[in-house]
Protein backbone atom coordinates (compact mmCIF):
# COMPACT_ATOMS: atom_id res chain seq x y z
CA MET A 1 0.28 0.45 -0.03
CA SER A 2 1.46 3.63 -0.76
CA GLU A 3 0.29 6.68 0.27
CA THR A 4 1.12 10.12 -0.82
CA VAL A 5 1.56 11.24 3.00
CA ALA A 6 4.30 9.73 5.24
CA THR A 7 3.65 10.01 8.48
CA LEU A 8 6.70 10.01 10.93
CA PHE A 9 7.80 10.45 14.25
CA GLU A 10 11.04 12.03 15.87
CA TYR A 11 13.56 10.51 16.49
CA VAL A 12 12.63 7.03 14.37
CA SER A 13 15.03 6.24 11.34
CA TYR A 14 13.07 5.64 9.11
CA PRO A 15 14.94 4.08 5.51
CA TYR A 16 14.47 5.39 2.25
CA LYS A 17 15.40 4.39 -1.25
CA VAL A 18 15.47 6.36 -4.30
CA VAL A 19 13.68 5.96 -7.11
CA ARG A 20 12.97 7.64 -11.15
CA GLU A 21 9.54 8.01 -11.00
CA THR A 22 7.07 9.05 -8.23
CA ASP A 23 7.34 9.85 -4.37
CA SER A 24 5.83 7.58 -2.26
CA PHE A 25 5.64 6.14 1.49
CA SER A 26 4.75 2.56 1.65
CA LEU A 27 3.44 1.62 4.90
CA ALA A 28 3.53 -2.01 5.07
CA GLU A 29 7.47 -1.50 4.70
CA ASN A 30 7.53 1.74 7.03
CA VAL A 31 9.89 2.83 3.48
CA LEU A 32 10.23 6.16 1.61
CA TYR A 33 10.55 6.20 -2.57
CA LEU A 34 12.19 9.36 -3.05
CA THR A 35 13.71 10.73 -6.42
CA GLU A 36 16.42 12.60 -6.78
CA GLU A 37 14.90 15.82 -7.28
CA THR A 38 13.02 14.89 -3.71
CA LEU A 39 16.23 14.56 -2.02
CA ARG A 40 17.51 17.11 -3.41
CA GLU A 41 14.48 19.25 -1.94
CA LEU A 42 14.38 17.80 1.08
CA GLU A 43 18.28 18.50 1.49
CA LYS A 44 17.72 22.26 0.99
CA LEU A 45 14.92 22.47 3.27
CA ASN A 46 17.39 21.42 6.07
CA LYS A 47 19.70 23.88 5.29
CA ARG A 48 17.74 26.99 5.88
CA LYS A 49 16.35 25.05 9.18
CA ILE A 50 17.44 21.34 10.43
CA SER A 51 14.72 19.65 10.97
CA LEU A 52 15.99 16.01 9.66
CA GLU A 53 18.49 13.46 9.69
CA ILE A 54 19.30 13.01 6.07
CA GLY A 55 21.43 9.86 5.58
CA ARG A 56 22.90 7.77 3.08
CA ASN A 57 20.10 5.07 3.53
CA THR A 58 17.86 6.77 6.64
CA LEU A 59 15.92 9.61 7.18
CA LYS A 60 15.29 11.29 11.21
CA PRO A 61 13.08 13.64 12.03
CA LEU A 62 14.61 16.00 15.03
CA ASN A 63 12.74 18.10 17.50
CA TYR A 64 10.12 19.56 15.34
CA ILE A 65 6.61 18.79 14.52
CA GLY A 66 4.97 19.70 11.97
CA VAL A 67 4.88 19.20 7.60
CA ILE A 68 7.25 19.37 4.90
CA ARG A 69 5.77 19.65 1.30
CA ALA A 70 8.65 18.41 -0.93
CA GLY A 71 8.02 16.23 -4.80
CA ASP A 72 4.83 13.86 -4.67
CA LEU A 73 5.18 13.37 -1.31
CA THR A 74 3.99 15.43 2.01
CA ILE A 75 5.10 14.74 5.06
CA GLN A 76 3.56 14.81 8.83
CA ILE A 77 6.13 14.74 11.43
CA LEU A 78 4.62 13.95 14.92
CA PRO A 79 6.03 13.68 18.49
CA LYS A 80 6.10 10.45 20.23
CA LEU A 81 4.01 10.40 23.23
CA PHE A 82 2.65 6.79 23.50
CA LYS A 83 5.52 3.85 24.99
CA ASN A 84 7.65 1.76 22.77
CA ASP A 85 5.68 1.46 19.39
CA ARG A 86 2.00 1.88 20.90
CA TYR A 87 2.02 5.73 18.72
CA GLU A 88 2.08 4.63 15.17
CA ALA A 89 -1.88 3.33 16.57
CA HIS A 90 -2.35 6.55 17.86
CA LYS A 91 -1.89 9.26 14.88
CA SER A 92 -4.85 10.92 15.45
CA VAL A 93 -4.86 11.04 19.21
CA ILE A 94 -1.27 12.56 19.12
CA ALA A 95 -2.03 14.54 15.97
CA GLY A 96 -5.14 16.03 18.13
CA ASN A 97 -3.05 16.96 21.52
CA ILE A 98 -0.35 18.99 18.86
CA LEU A 99 -3.55 21.78 17.86
CA LYS A 100 -5.14 20.73 21.72
CA MET A 101 -1.43 22.03 22.64
CA LEU A 102 -1.05 24.82 19.25
CA SER A 103 -5.23 26.30 21.32
CA TYR A 104 -3.49 27.32 24.58
CA THR A 105 0.38 28.87 23.39
CA GLU A 106 -0.56 30.67 20.70
CA SER A 107 -3.83 31.93 21.13
CA PHE A 108 -5.16 29.59 18.37
CA PRO A 109 -9.23 30.31 18.00
CA ILE A 110 -10.22 27.47 18.58
CA THR A 111 -11.85 25.65 22.08
CA GLU A 112 -13.30 22.52 21.11
CA ILE A 113 -11.87 19.85 18.56
CA ASP A 114 -14.49 17.78 16.71
CA THR A 115 -13.11 14.46 17.45
CA ALA A 116 -14.43 12.33 14.87
CA ASP A 117 -12.65 14.37 12.64
CA LEU A 118 -9.38 12.96 14.10
CA GLY A 119 -10.47 9.48 14.40
CA THR A 120 -9.60 8.55 10.65
CA GLU A 121 -6.94 7.25 9.14
CA GLU A 122 -6.40 10.23 6.93
CA PHE A 123 -6.00 12.57 9.09
CA GLU A 124 -3.42 14.96 7.80
CA PHE A 125 -2.62 17.85 10.69
CA PHE A 126 -1.55 20.14 8.24
CA GLU A 127 -5.04 20.72 6.32
CA VAL A 128 -7.13 20.00 9.93
CA PHE A 129 -4.68 22.83 10.67
CA ILE A 130 -5.78 25.05 7.75
CA TRP A 131 -9.49 24.65 8.34
CA LEU A 132 -9.60 25.19 12.26
CA PHE A 133 -7.91 28.43 11.21
CA ALA A 134 -10.51 28.43 8.08
CA LYS A 135 -13.62 27.88 9.19
CA ASN A 136 -13.40 29.99 12.61
CA LEU A 137 -12.11 33.26 10.44
CA ALA A 138 -14.45 32.50 7.79
CA ASP A 139 -17.95 32.96 10.60
CA LEU A 140 -16.53 36.17 12.05
CA ILE A 141 -15.35 37.64 8.55
CA LYS A 142 -19.18 37.09 7.43
CA SER A 143 -20.20 39.80 9.76
CA ASN A 144 -17.36 41.18 11.16
CA GLN A 145 -14.53 43.04 8.92
CA VAL A 146 -12.13 45.85 9.82
CA ARG A 147 -12.42 49.06 8.69
CA GLU A 148 -9.37 51.31 9.74
CA TYR A 149 -8.36 55.01 8.49
CA VAL A 150 -5.32 54.69 5.37
CA ARG A 151 -3.25 57.40 4.59
CA LYS A 152 -3.50 57.95 0.91
CA ARG A 153 -1.74 60.21 -1.58
CA GLU A 154 -3.94 60.28 -5.62
CA ASP A 155 -4.09 62.88 -8.12
CA LEU A 156 -7.66 64.58 -7.84
CA HIS A 157 -9.17 66.85 -10.07
CA PHE A 158 -11.40 68.45 -6.92
CA VAL A 159 -9.57 68.93 -3.39
CA ARG A 160 -10.07 66.05 -0.49
CA GLY A 161 -8.10 66.89 2.88
CA ARG A 162 -5.09 68.59 2.03
CA ILE A 163 -3.42 69.81 -1.08
CA ASP A 164 1.11 68.00 -1.58
CA THR A 165 1.81 71.67 -1.38
CA ARG A 166 5.64 70.45 -2.57
CA CYS A 167 3.75 68.92 -5.54
CA TYR A 168 1.34 71.09 -6.69
CA THR A 169 4.04 73.10 -8.88
CA ASN A 170 3.38 73.07 -12.46
CA PRO A 171 1.52 75.78 -13.62
CA ALA A 172 0.55 73.46 -16.94
CA ARG A 173 -1.12 70.69 -14.96
CA LEU A 174 -2.74 73.07 -12.12
CA HIS A 175 -6.18 71.16 -12.61
CA ILE A 176 -4.70 68.27 -11.01
CA VAL A 177 -4.14 68.17 -7.64
CA PRO A 178 -2.16 66.29 -5.86
CA CYS A 179 -4.18 65.21 -2.88
CA ILE A 180 -2.90 63.61 0.95
CA PHE A 181 -6.30 62.88 2.15
CA HIS A 182 -7.16 59.65 5.11
CA GLU A 183 -9.72 56.79 3.83
CA PHE A 184 -11.19 54.11 5.76
CA SER A 185 -10.89 51.31 3.98
CA LYS A 186 -10.66 47.54 3.75
CA ASP A 187 -6.73 47.48 2.62
CA ASN A 188 -5.30 47.49 5.57
CA THR A 189 -1.91 45.01 7.51
CA LEU A 190 -4.65 43.74 9.17
CA ASN A 191 -6.62 42.27 6.13
CA ARG A 192 -3.76 42.18 4.26
CA THR A 193 -2.16 40.22 5.81
CA LEU A 194 -5.04 37.52 6.45
CA LYS A 195 -5.15 37.24 2.09
CA TYR A 196 -1.92 37.08 1.24
CA THR A 197 -1.98 33.49 4.28
CA CYS A 198 -5.10 32.50 2.69
CA HIS A 199 -3.67 32.87 -0.71
CA ILE A 200 -0.91 31.16 0.38
CA MET A 201 -2.81 28.29 2.23
CA SER A 202 -5.34 27.52 -0.84
CA ARG A 203 -2.19 27.13 -3.56
CA MET A 204 -0.99 24.29 -0.84
CA THR A 205 -4.48 22.59 0.59
CA GLY A 206 -5.10 19.15 -0.66
CA SER A 207 -8.69 19.64 0.29
CA SER A 208 -11.63 20.68 -1.73
CA GLU A 209 -13.60 21.93 2.25
CA ASN A 210 -9.99 24.18 3.06
CA PHE A 211 -9.94 25.53 -0.95
CA ARG A 212 -13.83 26.33 -0.70
CA LEU A 213 -13.30 28.14 3.04
CA LEU A 214 -10.06 30.12 1.94
CA LYS A 215 -11.71 31.31 -1.63
CA PHE A 216 -14.81 32.38 0.57
CA ILE A 217 -12.36 34.60 2.86
CA ASN A 218 -10.60 36.23 -0.77
CA ASP A 219 -13.37 37.01 -1.85
CA MET A 220 -15.40 38.63 0.87
CA LEU A 221 -11.67 40.63 0.97
CA GLU A 222 -11.87 41.28 -2.52
CA PRO A 223 -11.45 45.21 -2.25
CA VAL A 224 -8.30 44.71 -0.13
CA SER A 225 -4.62 44.28 -1.77
CA LEU A 226 -3.03 40.77 -2.15
CA MET A 227 0.40 41.49 -1.42
CA PRO A 228 3.63 39.87 0.08
CA VAL A 229 3.37 40.96 4.28
CA THR A 230 6.54 41.19 5.87
CA LEU A 231 7.01 39.67 10.47
CA PRO A 232 7.51 43.29 10.87
CA GLU A 233 4.56 44.94 9.60
CA ILE A 234 2.79 41.53 10.81
CA ASP A 235 4.24 42.91 14.78
CA TRP A 236 3.35 46.64 14.21
CA ILE A 237 -0.65 46.30 13.72
CA ARG A 238 -2.18 47.35 16.72
CA PHE A 239 -5.33 46.74 17.98
CA THR A 240 -8.47 47.45 19.40
CA ARG A 241 -11.22 47.13 21.28
CA LEU A 242 -12.31 47.65 17.53
CA ASN A 243 -10.55 44.92 15.33
CA GLN A 244 -9.57 42.29 19.03
CA ARG A 245 -11.60 39.21 17.95
CA PHE A 246 -9.19 39.34 15.14
CA GLU A 247 -5.98 39.27 16.99
CA PRO A 248 -6.15 35.52 17.24
CA PHE A 249 -6.42 35.01 13.51
CA ILE A 250 -3.24 37.06 12.83
CA ARG A 251 -1.42 35.31 15.41
CA ILE A 252 -1.84 32.18 13.51
CA CYS A 253 -0.54 34.26 10.57
CA ARG A 254 2.69 34.95 11.73
CA ILE A 255 3.43 31.79 12.94
CA PHE A 256 2.40 30.35 9.29
CA LEU A 257 4.67 33.29 7.73
CA ALA A 258 7.05 32.96 10.88
CA HIS A 259 7.72 29.11 10.87
CA SER A 260 7.53 28.44 7.17
CA THR A 261 9.23 27.53 4.00
CA LEU A 262 8.17 28.07 1.12
CA THR A 263 8.82 27.95 -2.75
CA LEU A 264 6.69 28.95 -5.48
CA ARG A 265 6.11 28.42 -9.20
CA ALA A 266 3.85 30.23 -11.50
CA SER A 267 0.80 27.68 -11.01
CA HIS A 268 1.47 25.58 -7.80
CA VAL A 269 3.40 25.55 -4.39
CA GLU A 270 7.03 23.12 -5.44
CA THR A 271 8.13 22.38 -1.72
CA PHE A 272 6.30 24.00 1.16
CA SER A 273 7.81 23.39 5.34
CA LEU A 274 5.77 25.05 7.90
CA LEU A 275 7.77 23.66 11.74
CA LEU A 276 7.84 24.11 14.91
CA PRO A 277 9.96 23.12 17.23
CA MET A 278 8.52 20.81 19.93
CA GLU A 279 10.62 22.03 22.84
CA THR A 280 9.06 26.05 22.05
CA LEU A 281 5.77 24.39 22.26
CA PHE A 282 5.69 22.34 25.39
CA GLU A 283 7.39 24.81 27.87
CA GLU A 284 4.76 27.95 25.98
CA PHE A 285 1.85 25.05 27.30
CA ILE A 286 2.95 24.49 30.50
CA ALA A 287 3.60 28.40 31.14
CA ARG A 288 0.02 28.79 30.00
CA ILE A 289 -1.70 25.82 31.82
CA LEU A 290 0.05 27.30 35.14
CA LEU A 291 -0.88 30.69 34.72
CA ASP A 292 -4.75 29.44 33.80
CA ASP A 293 -5.47 28.16 37.45
CA PRO A 294 -2.70 28.20 39.79
CA ILE A 295 -5.00 27.25 42.93
CA TYR A 296 -5.49 23.93 41.22
CA PHE A 297 -2.03 23.07 40.61
CA PHE A 298 0.06 24.66 44.07
CA GLY A 299 -2.81 24.39 46.50
CA LYS A 300 -2.72 28.15 46.40
CA GLN A 301 -2.86 31.23 44.98
CA VAL A 302 0.71 31.78 43.51
CA LYS A 303 1.66 34.24 41.06
CA VAL A 304 2.49 32.55 37.90
CA GLN A 305 5.13 34.41 35.50
CA PRO A 306 6.57 32.79 31.97
CA GLN A 307 9.79 33.53 29.89
CA GLU A 308 10.70 36.68 32.50
CA SER A 309 13.76 37.99 32.48
CA ILE A 310 15.09 37.87 36.71
CA GLY A 311 18.56 39.48 35.33
CA HIS A 312 21.71 39.37 33.76
CA LEU A 313 24.75 36.76 34.77
CA ALA A 314 27.50 38.72 34.30
CA GLU A 315 28.82 42.34 33.36
CA ASN A 316 31.66 43.49 30.91
CA ALA A 317 34.65 45.05 33.61
CA VAL A 318 35.24 47.68 31.34
CA THR A 319 31.89 49.19 29.76
CA GLY A 320 30.01 47.29 32.84
CA LYS A 321 27.28 46.74 30.49
CA LYS A 322 24.93 43.27 31.72
CA VAL A 323 25.22 40.16 29.12
CA PHE A 324 23.89 36.73 29.32
CA ARG A 325 20.20 37.68 30.34
CA LEU A 326 19.21 35.32 32.81
CA ILE A 327 15.29 33.88 32.05
CA PRO A 328 13.91 30.93 33.14
CA ASP A 329 11.20 29.17 31.50
CA ILE A 330 8.52 29.72 34.63
CA THR A 331 9.23 31.06 37.82
CA ILE A 332 6.50 31.32 40.90
CA GLN A 333 6.78 34.15 43.87
CA ASP A 334 4.89 33.61 46.78
CA GLY A 335 5.27 36.35 48.28
CA ALA A 336 8.44 36.88 49.22
CA ALA A 337 9.48 32.87 48.57
CA MET A 338 10.50 32.12 45.33
CA ALA A 339 10.44 28.51 42.85
CA VAL A 340 11.52 27.89 39.23
CA ILE A 341 11.13 25.68 36.69
CA ASP A 342 13.15 24.78 33.36
CA THR A 343 11.02 22.58 30.95
CA LYS A 344 12.92 20.05 28.58
CA TYR A 345 11.38 18.34 26.23
CA LYS A 346 14.23 15.52 25.91
CA LEU A 347 13.69 11.73 26.28
CA PHE A 348 15.29 10.05 29.38
CA ASN A 349 17.28 7.04 29.70
CA HIS A 350 15.44 5.65 32.70
CA ASP A 351 18.50 3.32 33.80
CA ASP A 352 21.14 6.39 33.98
CA SER A 353 21.70 7.39 38.32
CA GLY A 354 21.72 10.31 38.29
CA PHE A 355 18.43 10.84 35.33
CA ASP A 356 20.18 11.66 32.77
CA VAL A 357 20.12 15.09 33.34
CA LYS A 358 22.30 16.91 31.42
CA GLN A 359 24.91 18.98 32.95
CA PRO A 360 24.17 22.42 31.44
CA ASP A 361 21.17 22.26 32.69
CA MET A 362 22.29 21.96 36.40
CA TYR A 363 24.83 24.48 35.38
CA GLN A 364 21.70 26.79 34.12
CA MET A 365 19.70 25.68 37.05
CA TYR A 366 22.38 26.64 39.61
CA ALA A 367 22.55 30.42 37.76
CA TYR A 368 18.31 30.61 38.46
CA ILE A 369 18.94 29.32 41.90
CA THR A 370 21.53 31.18 43.29
CA LYS A 371 20.13 34.56 40.86
CA LEU A 372 16.27 34.71 42.13
CA HIS A 373 17.27 33.00 45.73
CA ALA A 374 15.05 30.73 44.73
CA SER A 375 13.78 28.12 47.96
CA SER A 376 13.12 25.52 45.33
CA ALA A 377 13.33 24.45 41.40
CA MET A 378 12.23 22.24 38.99
CA LEU A 379 12.87 19.85 35.33
CA LEU A 380 9.95 19.03 33.94
CA TYR A 381 10.37 16.78 31.03
CA PRO A 382 7.53 15.49 29.11
CA GLU A 383 7.03 11.23 29.72
CA THR A 384 4.41 8.54 28.22
CA GLU A 385 4.09 8.36 32.46
CA THR A 386 4.00 10.45 35.14
CA VAL A 387 8.03 9.56 36.74
CA GLU A 388 8.90 11.03 39.63
CA TYR A 389 12.91 11.03 38.88
CA GLY A 390 14.46 11.97 41.89
CA THR A 391 15.24 15.14 43.42
CA PHE A 392 19.26 16.82 43.62
CA LEU A 393 20.40 18.74 46.87
CA VAL A 394 22.32 22.07 45.54
CA ALA A 395 24.99 23.57 47.82
CA CYS A 396 24.04 27.62 47.60
CA THR A 397 25.55 30.74 49.68
CA ASN A 398 23.37 33.24 50.84
CA GLY A 399 24.57 36.52 51.35
CA ASP A 400 26.35 36.38 54.68
CA GLY A 401 28.49 33.36 53.72
CA THR A 402 26.07 30.69 55.22
CA MET A 403 25.23 27.51 53.10
CA ARG A 404 22.01 25.82 52.71
CA THR A 405 20.80 23.42 49.81
CA VAL A 406 18.35 23.96 47.40
CA PRO A 407 15.86 21.29 46.03
CA LEU A 408 16.08 20.24 42.34
CA HIS A 409 13.21 18.31 41.01
CA ILE A 410 13.68 15.74 37.97
CA ARG A 411 9.48 15.19 37.50
CA SER A 412 7.86 14.56 33.85
CA VAL A 413 3.65 15.06 32.64
CA CYS A 414 2.08 12.63 31.08
CA LEU A 415 1.22 14.17 27.42
CA SER A 416 -0.14 10.64 26.32
CA GLU A 417 -3.87 11.03 27.71
CA ASN A 418 -6.31 12.53 24.80
CA LEU A 419 -6.73 16.24 25.73
CA ASN A 420 -9.38 16.49 23.53
CA THR A 421 -11.88 14.35 26.04
CA ASP A 422 -12.89 15.45 30.10
CA GLU A 423 -11.52 12.31 31.00
CA GLY A 424 -7.80 12.58 29.41
CA TRP A 425 -7.89 16.54 29.82
CA ALA A 426 -8.52 16.05 33.81
CA ALA A 427 -5.69 12.59 33.85
CA PHE A 428 -3.12 15.04 32.20
CA ARG A 429 -4.32 18.26 35.08
CA ARG A 430 -3.97 15.96 37.42
CA SER A 431 -0.27 13.90 36.15
CA LEU A 432 0.56 18.26 36.63
CA ALA A 433 -0.78 18.93 39.56
CA GLY A 434 0.86 15.79 41.10
CA ALA A 435 4.60 16.94 39.77
CA VAL A 436 4.81 20.74 40.31
CA ARG A 437 3.10 20.94 43.67
CA VAL A 438 6.05 19.58 45.39
CA LEU A 439 7.29 22.93 44.68
CA ALA A 440 4.47 24.27 46.89
CA HIS A 441 4.62 21.59 50.43
CA THR A 442 5.83 22.59 53.26
CA GLY A 443 9.39 24.38 53.07
CA SER A 444 9.59 24.65 49.54
CA LEU A 445 8.36 28.13 48.84
CA LYS A 446 9.68 29.28 52.39
CA ARG A 447 11.95 32.13 52.45
CA PRO A 448 15.57 31.01 52.06
């Protein structure tokens, strides 16, 4: 059985064979059949963003999830969230969990995912990503379209706004008046961002339903100019109470344009990739969950702060300039007491007596603990089941020269539950609470 869509999993090596005709993926053999041209395109994409380990006869996805399209083949890369080979049998659950995580990290405009749609063997992460975006945007744009005052300059036969006196100097053209004015228009940066993103998506989707939704959106935005938009232009968009409902969609547009690589030809997309770093997704997901309900997870009202700068590690001896900024993933504050959590998207070697914690990670945590005068800390890893690996005691020096020990807990949280069901979501929350609540136990969040 051959498929034009290959579902691969991170850190799993897949054999490939070079063929002359068309690209394909044998589900029975678990083998990729690639033309030389497609292999070259994959290598080009990999130079821009190293997401694959391409060997002489094998191809291994690294720590990115998403989709790569080259030649006749679409490769979707998913994380391994189940033990052993069980992840192969749970593709739809894994992909649904990724969409759920995205909904918490980048304000993706969805609150529920139709698990019936996700339960099919033909599920494609990229097509569902587009469908969720297009369906919700189409529903919004039917009743709400953004108009803004846009500065324009035109040569008119009458005065509108003010005359551009610098250009009104030709005596032979005094009947043509160069005017500068503001027009209440749909043709603004927000709408151009939506239209350009939908246009690119429509050239890549293989779903007729997605194409119909995207075409509907572009038809609704017909007065808007179709032109490329840059990330700095998107970042300059300002949201008010009049357009704030579009903010989640603009964020998705930014994700799409920032994390995608594409090569266009006149009639189609030649190559394309939309890849998201799994470590960033895991970090932002955990931070948002803790931020939304700290009482449940810590048993008390604490301040949860994601990605907050806590200062610098050193300063230049000559200029005095601060260098090496310290930004822990999550800090927890209970009055004057501080704790710190750093998430690590890494797979453990369970037989390692040091819990397989990497030495640079320990140095990093030591810097956070000493800078914050933290009373406890945690390294949090994803797992197929909740595991308490153990605790290190880190020796630190107080300001008065006395010594103290700070517990550094090594914990994991289970991501193999179906996060799109009530039971699975509740089980995940219990798993996370069981991991982090040790930070709020007696003595953990007391001032050192």
